[in-house]
Protein backbone atom coordinates (compact mmCIF):
# COMPACT_ATOMS: atom_id res chain seq x y z
CA MET A 1 -165.30 -186.15 -32.49
CA ASN A 2 -168.23 -187.73 -34.32
CA ARG A 3 -170.90 -185.64 -35.93
CA LYS A 4 -174.04 -187.61 -36.78
CA ILE A 5 -176.39 -185.65 -38.99
CA PHE A 6 -179.99 -186.74 -39.36
CA TYR A 7 -180.75 -186.03 -42.98
CA PRO A 8 -183.97 -187.25 -44.61
CA CYS A 9 -183.39 -188.19 -48.23
CA CYS A 10 -185.94 -185.64 -49.50
CA ALA A 11 -184.37 -182.61 -47.77
CA VAL A 12 -183.25 -179.63 -49.83
CA LEU A 13 -179.82 -178.17 -49.04
CA TYR A 14 -179.63 -174.43 -49.37
CA LEU A 15 -176.70 -174.73 -51.78
CA ALA A 16 -178.61 -176.99 -54.17
CA LEU A 17 -177.87 -176.27 -57.79
CA PHE A 18 -181.01 -178.17 -58.70
CA SER A 19 -184.15 -178.82 -56.65
CA ILE A 20 -184.19 -182.24 -55.03
CA ALA A 21 -187.22 -184.50 -55.37
CA ALA A 22 -189.74 -184.06 -52.58
CA LEU A 23 -192.36 -186.45 -51.33
CA GLY A 24 -195.88 -185.80 -52.45
CA GLN A 25 -198.35 -186.28 -55.25
CA ASP A 26 -197.04 -185.99 -58.78
CA GLN A 27 -198.37 -182.69 -60.07
CA SER A 28 -196.01 -182.29 -63.02
CA THR A 29 -198.95 -181.29 -65.23
CA ASN A 30 -199.84 -178.35 -62.98
CA PRO A 31 -202.48 -176.37 -64.92
CA ASP A 32 -200.90 -173.07 -63.87
CA SER A 33 -197.64 -173.94 -65.63
CA ASP A 34 -196.53 -172.79 -69.05
CA PRO A 35 -195.81 -176.09 -70.83
CA ARG A 36 -192.90 -174.56 -72.76
CA ALA A 37 -191.22 -173.27 -69.60
CA ARG A 38 -191.78 -176.55 -67.77
CA ASP A 39 -190.37 -178.61 -70.63
CA MET A 40 -187.33 -176.33 -70.96
CA LEU A 41 -186.50 -176.63 -67.26
CA ARG A 42 -187.17 -180.37 -67.15
CA ASP A 43 -184.98 -181.08 -70.19
CA ALA A 44 -182.15 -178.95 -68.78
CA ARG A 45 -182.36 -180.74 -65.45
CA ASN A 46 -182.31 -184.11 -67.20
CA SER A 47 -179.05 -183.19 -68.96
CA ARG A 48 -177.04 -183.45 -65.76
CA TYR A 49 -175.22 -186.58 -64.69
CA CYS A 50 -176.58 -188.75 -61.85
CA VAL A 51 -175.57 -192.10 -60.39
CA SER A 52 -178.48 -194.50 -60.78
CA ASN A 53 -179.35 -196.95 -57.98
CA PHE A 54 -177.15 -195.03 -55.53
CA SER A 55 -177.83 -196.28 -51.99
CA GLY A 56 -174.85 -195.14 -49.95
CA LEU A 57 -171.24 -194.04 -49.69
CA THR A 58 -168.26 -194.45 -47.41
CA ALA A 59 -165.08 -192.41 -47.83
CA GLU A 60 -162.17 -190.85 -46.02
CA PHE A 61 -161.33 -187.22 -46.66
CA VAL A 62 -158.78 -184.55 -45.87
CA LEU A 63 -160.01 -181.03 -45.13
CA ASN A 64 -157.68 -178.08 -45.59
CA ASP A 65 -159.24 -175.08 -43.88
CA ASN A 66 -157.16 -172.11 -44.99
CA GLY A 67 -153.93 -173.98 -44.25
CA LYS A 68 -155.09 -176.06 -41.27
CA THR A 69 -155.60 -179.71 -42.18
CA ALA A 70 -157.78 -182.37 -40.56
CA LYS A 71 -158.75 -185.91 -41.54
CA GLY A 72 -162.16 -187.50 -41.30
CA SER A 73 -164.58 -190.05 -42.71
CA ILE A 74 -168.14 -190.21 -43.96
CA ASP A 75 -170.66 -193.05 -43.93
CA TYR A 76 -173.92 -192.24 -45.69
CA GLU A 77 -176.96 -194.40 -46.41
CA VAL A 78 -179.98 -193.15 -48.32
CA GLY A 79 -182.91 -192.43 -46.02
CA LYS A 80 -180.84 -192.62 -42.83
CA SER A 81 -178.52 -190.39 -40.83
CA VAL A 82 -175.04 -189.44 -41.99
CA ASP A 83 -172.13 -190.44 -39.78
CA LEU A 84 -169.46 -187.77 -40.25
CA LYS A 85 -166.29 -188.07 -38.18
CA ILE A 86 -163.64 -185.36 -37.89
CA GLU A 87 -161.45 -183.91 -35.16
CA GLY A 88 -159.60 -180.66 -34.64
CA VAL A 89 -162.02 -178.21 -36.30
CA ASP A 90 -164.58 -175.84 -34.81
CA GLU A 91 -168.37 -176.08 -35.04
CA GLU A 92 -168.68 -173.61 -37.92
CA VAL A 93 -166.26 -175.63 -40.04
CA LYS A 94 -167.98 -178.90 -39.08
CA GLY A 95 -171.33 -177.52 -40.14
CA TRP A 96 -169.92 -176.26 -43.43
CA LEU A 97 -168.21 -179.59 -44.09
CA ALA A 98 -171.39 -181.56 -43.39
CA GLU A 99 -173.36 -179.33 -45.70
CA MET A 100 -170.83 -179.64 -48.52
CA VAL A 101 -170.58 -183.43 -48.27
CA LEU A 102 -174.35 -183.87 -48.23
CA ASN A 103 -174.73 -181.42 -51.09
CA ILE A 104 -172.24 -183.35 -53.23
CA ILE A 105 -173.95 -186.66 -52.49
CA GLN A 106 -177.45 -185.33 -53.12
CA HIS A 107 -176.53 -183.91 -56.51
CA ILE A 108 -174.91 -187.17 -57.55
CA ARG A 109 -178.09 -188.99 -56.50
CA GLY A 110 -180.34 -186.64 -58.45
CA GLY A 111 -184.12 -186.65 -58.13
CA ASP A 112 -187.44 -186.97 -59.93
CA PHE A 113 -188.36 -183.66 -61.55
CA SER A 114 -192.09 -184.44 -61.32
CA LYS A 115 -191.81 -184.73 -57.53
CA GLY A 116 -189.60 -181.66 -57.13
CA ASP A 117 -190.00 -178.47 -59.14
CA GLY A 118 -192.51 -180.19 -61.41
CA ARG A 119 -195.10 -180.09 -58.63
CA TYR A 120 -195.31 -176.28 -58.78
CA PRO A 121 -196.44 -173.73 -61.36
CA ILE A 122 -193.54 -173.07 -63.77
CA THR A 123 -193.62 -170.05 -66.06
CA PHE A 124 -191.27 -167.83 -68.01
CA ALA A 125 -190.16 -164.71 -66.15
CA GLY A 126 -189.83 -161.46 -68.09
CA ASP A 127 -187.46 -161.88 -71.03
CA ASP A 128 -184.51 -159.58 -70.33
CA ASN A 129 -182.43 -160.93 -73.25
CA SER A 130 -179.62 -161.70 -70.80
CA PRO A 131 -176.63 -163.61 -72.18
CA ALA A 132 -176.89 -165.67 -68.98
CA GLY A 133 -179.96 -167.44 -70.35
CA ARG A 134 -183.76 -167.54 -70.33
CA ARG A 135 -185.25 -166.88 -66.90
CA ILE A 136 -187.85 -169.32 -65.55
CA ALA A 137 -189.93 -168.85 -62.39
CA VAL A 138 -191.00 -171.71 -60.11
CA SER A 139 -193.74 -170.76 -57.64
CA ASN A 140 -192.49 -172.76 -54.67
CA GLN A 141 -191.71 -171.86 -51.06
CA MET A 142 -188.23 -170.64 -52.03
CA LYS A 143 -189.47 -168.29 -54.77
CA SER A 144 -187.06 -169.97 -57.16
CA TYR A 145 -185.80 -168.64 -60.46
CA TYR A 146 -183.65 -170.50 -62.96
CA ARG A 147 -181.78 -169.49 -66.06
CA VAL A 148 -181.45 -172.05 -68.84
CA ARG A 149 -178.91 -171.72 -71.64
CA ASP A 150 -177.94 -174.37 -74.21
CA ASN A 151 -180.12 -176.94 -72.43
CA GLN A 152 -178.28 -176.39 -69.13
CA VAL A 153 -179.33 -174.86 -65.84
CA VAL A 154 -176.74 -172.10 -65.47
CA GLU A 155 -178.28 -170.00 -62.68
CA VAL A 156 -180.47 -170.59 -59.63
CA GLU A 157 -181.93 -167.83 -57.45
CA ARG A 158 -183.67 -168.58 -54.17
CA THR A 159 -185.01 -166.94 -51.03
CA MET A 160 -185.20 -168.93 -47.79
CA GLY A 161 -186.30 -166.78 -44.87
CA ALA A 162 -183.79 -163.95 -44.63
CA ASP A 163 -181.35 -165.72 -46.97
CA HIS A 164 -181.30 -164.59 -50.59
CA PHE A 165 -178.68 -166.09 -52.88
CA ILE A 166 -177.87 -166.66 -56.54
CA ILE A 167 -175.86 -169.59 -57.88
CA ASP A 168 -174.12 -169.13 -61.23
CA VAL A 169 -172.53 -172.07 -63.05
CA LEU A 170 -169.39 -170.87 -64.81
CA GLU A 171 -168.20 -174.13 -66.36
CA MET A 172 -169.53 -177.66 -66.83
CA THR A 173 -167.65 -180.97 -67.00
CA ARG A 174 -168.98 -183.16 -69.81
CA MET A 175 -168.99 -186.87 -69.04
CA PRO A 176 -168.36 -189.53 -71.71
CA GLU A 177 -172.06 -190.43 -71.52
CA GLY A 178 -172.92 -186.93 -72.76
CA LYS A 179 -174.30 -185.78 -69.40
CA GLU A 180 -172.75 -182.86 -67.53
CA LEU A 181 -171.83 -181.78 -64.01
CA PRO A 182 -170.92 -178.28 -62.76
CA ARG A 183 -167.17 -177.75 -62.38
CA HIS A 184 -166.91 -174.03 -61.54
CA PHE A 185 -169.75 -172.14 -59.85
CA THR A 186 -170.31 -169.20 -57.55
CA VAL A 187 -172.84 -168.57 -54.80
CA THR A 188 -173.55 -164.89 -54.09
CA TYR A 189 -175.38 -163.94 -50.88
CA PHE A 190 -177.35 -160.77 -50.24
CA ASP A 191 -178.62 -159.25 -46.99
CA LYS A 192 -182.15 -157.99 -46.33
CA SER A 193 -181.38 -154.66 -47.97
CA GLY A 194 -180.17 -156.37 -51.13
CA ALA A 195 -176.53 -155.49 -50.49
CA LEU A 196 -173.84 -158.06 -51.21
CA SER A 197 -172.81 -159.94 -48.06
CA ARG A 198 -170.41 -162.61 -49.35
CA THR A 199 -169.41 -164.70 -52.36
CA ASP A 200 -168.34 -168.35 -52.40
CA THR A 201 -166.57 -169.69 -55.50
CA PHE A 202 -166.30 -173.46 -55.99
CA THR A 203 -164.34 -175.88 -58.15
CA ASP A 204 -165.29 -179.58 -58.27
CA GLU A 205 -163.01 -182.24 -59.79
CA TYR A 206 -164.32 -185.70 -60.74
CA LYS A 207 -163.02 -189.23 -61.20
CA GLN A 208 -164.54 -192.66 -61.76
CA VAL A 209 -165.52 -194.67 -58.67
CA GLU A 210 -167.06 -198.11 -59.11
CA GLY A 211 -167.56 -197.24 -62.77
CA ARG A 212 -169.45 -194.03 -61.92
CA TRP A 213 -168.27 -190.42 -61.84
CA PHE A 214 -167.86 -188.91 -58.39
CA PRO A 215 -166.21 -185.69 -57.09
CA VAL A 216 -162.65 -186.30 -55.96
CA SER A 217 -162.39 -182.81 -54.44
CA ARG A 218 -164.22 -179.55 -53.81
CA ARG A 219 -162.36 -176.25 -53.45
CA MET A 220 -164.00 -173.10 -52.08
CA PHE A 221 -162.84 -169.48 -52.03
CA ARG A 222 -164.96 -167.29 -49.72
CA ALA A 223 -164.80 -163.49 -49.98
CA GLU A 224 -166.28 -161.87 -46.86
CA ASN A 225 -165.49 -159.05 -44.45
CA GLY A 226 -162.44 -157.84 -46.36
CA ARG A 227 -160.68 -161.19 -46.62
CA VAL A 228 -160.64 -164.40 -48.64
CA ILE A 229 -160.44 -167.87 -47.10
CA THR A 230 -159.85 -171.13 -48.95
CA ARG A 231 -161.15 -174.58 -48.03
CA VAL A 232 -160.53 -177.86 -49.85
CA ILE A 233 -162.21 -181.23 -49.30
CA ALA A 234 -160.22 -184.09 -50.88
CA PHE A 235 -161.94 -187.50 -50.88
CA GLN A 236 -159.89 -190.67 -50.49
CA ASN A 237 -160.97 -194.28 -51.17
CA PRO A 238 -164.65 -193.49 -51.84
CA ARG A 239 -166.84 -196.59 -52.05
CA ILE A 240 -170.32 -196.33 -53.55
CA ARG A 241 -173.10 -198.73 -52.62
CA PHE A 242 -175.90 -199.56 -55.02
CA ALA A 243 -179.52 -200.54 -54.38
CA GLN A 244 -179.27 -203.33 -56.94
CA GLN A 245 -176.81 -204.67 -59.46
CA LEU A 246 -177.04 -202.86 -62.80
CA GLN A 247 -177.45 -205.02 -65.87
């Protein structure tokens, strides 16, 4: 069964660890921002690893859904739909798989800070002296909060409709270039009352593809309704396309 997902390149996935660039006027010097908070968030965002000139990806993958395996393939081109093929899994798993694959790709692509969070007022939230890091508020539609520690974004909090979640980065992978990518992170979801509804814990492993670093696998442990399920996406033969040849 083929699953073709129409995904504009400026869309924001709800699991995003960092805001993705959005179309619109560059308002990175928003007068309502605190320059210190904006610079701290921008510099932390710029410390993460991205693949420059990324234009597309094809890959095979194996999905292990709590012991049940299925094979599939992905063909992605920037600005166009994603062709995701997989058989033998239900719609919930297909939706989750599509979201994870697109999330991985979007974070590798990166985005322009001035066209993403930089368009909105950015200020320091109340200083709670948390060991997690300094809290920064972004006045966007998702009521976003970040924590920055050691020049890294280590926490993201967002509200989208009835969905309220917090992402905590537990460990980074440092690339030879000095940039970093999240290796272990959790996503904690809360219901309308503020009660915990579920927790997803992720581990991403990376390898070099076409001379660039790319996730070779993503493992998820989901704790919900008194049980834990495990899902693993293992990529095989990934091939990255570039917009132009790098010098």
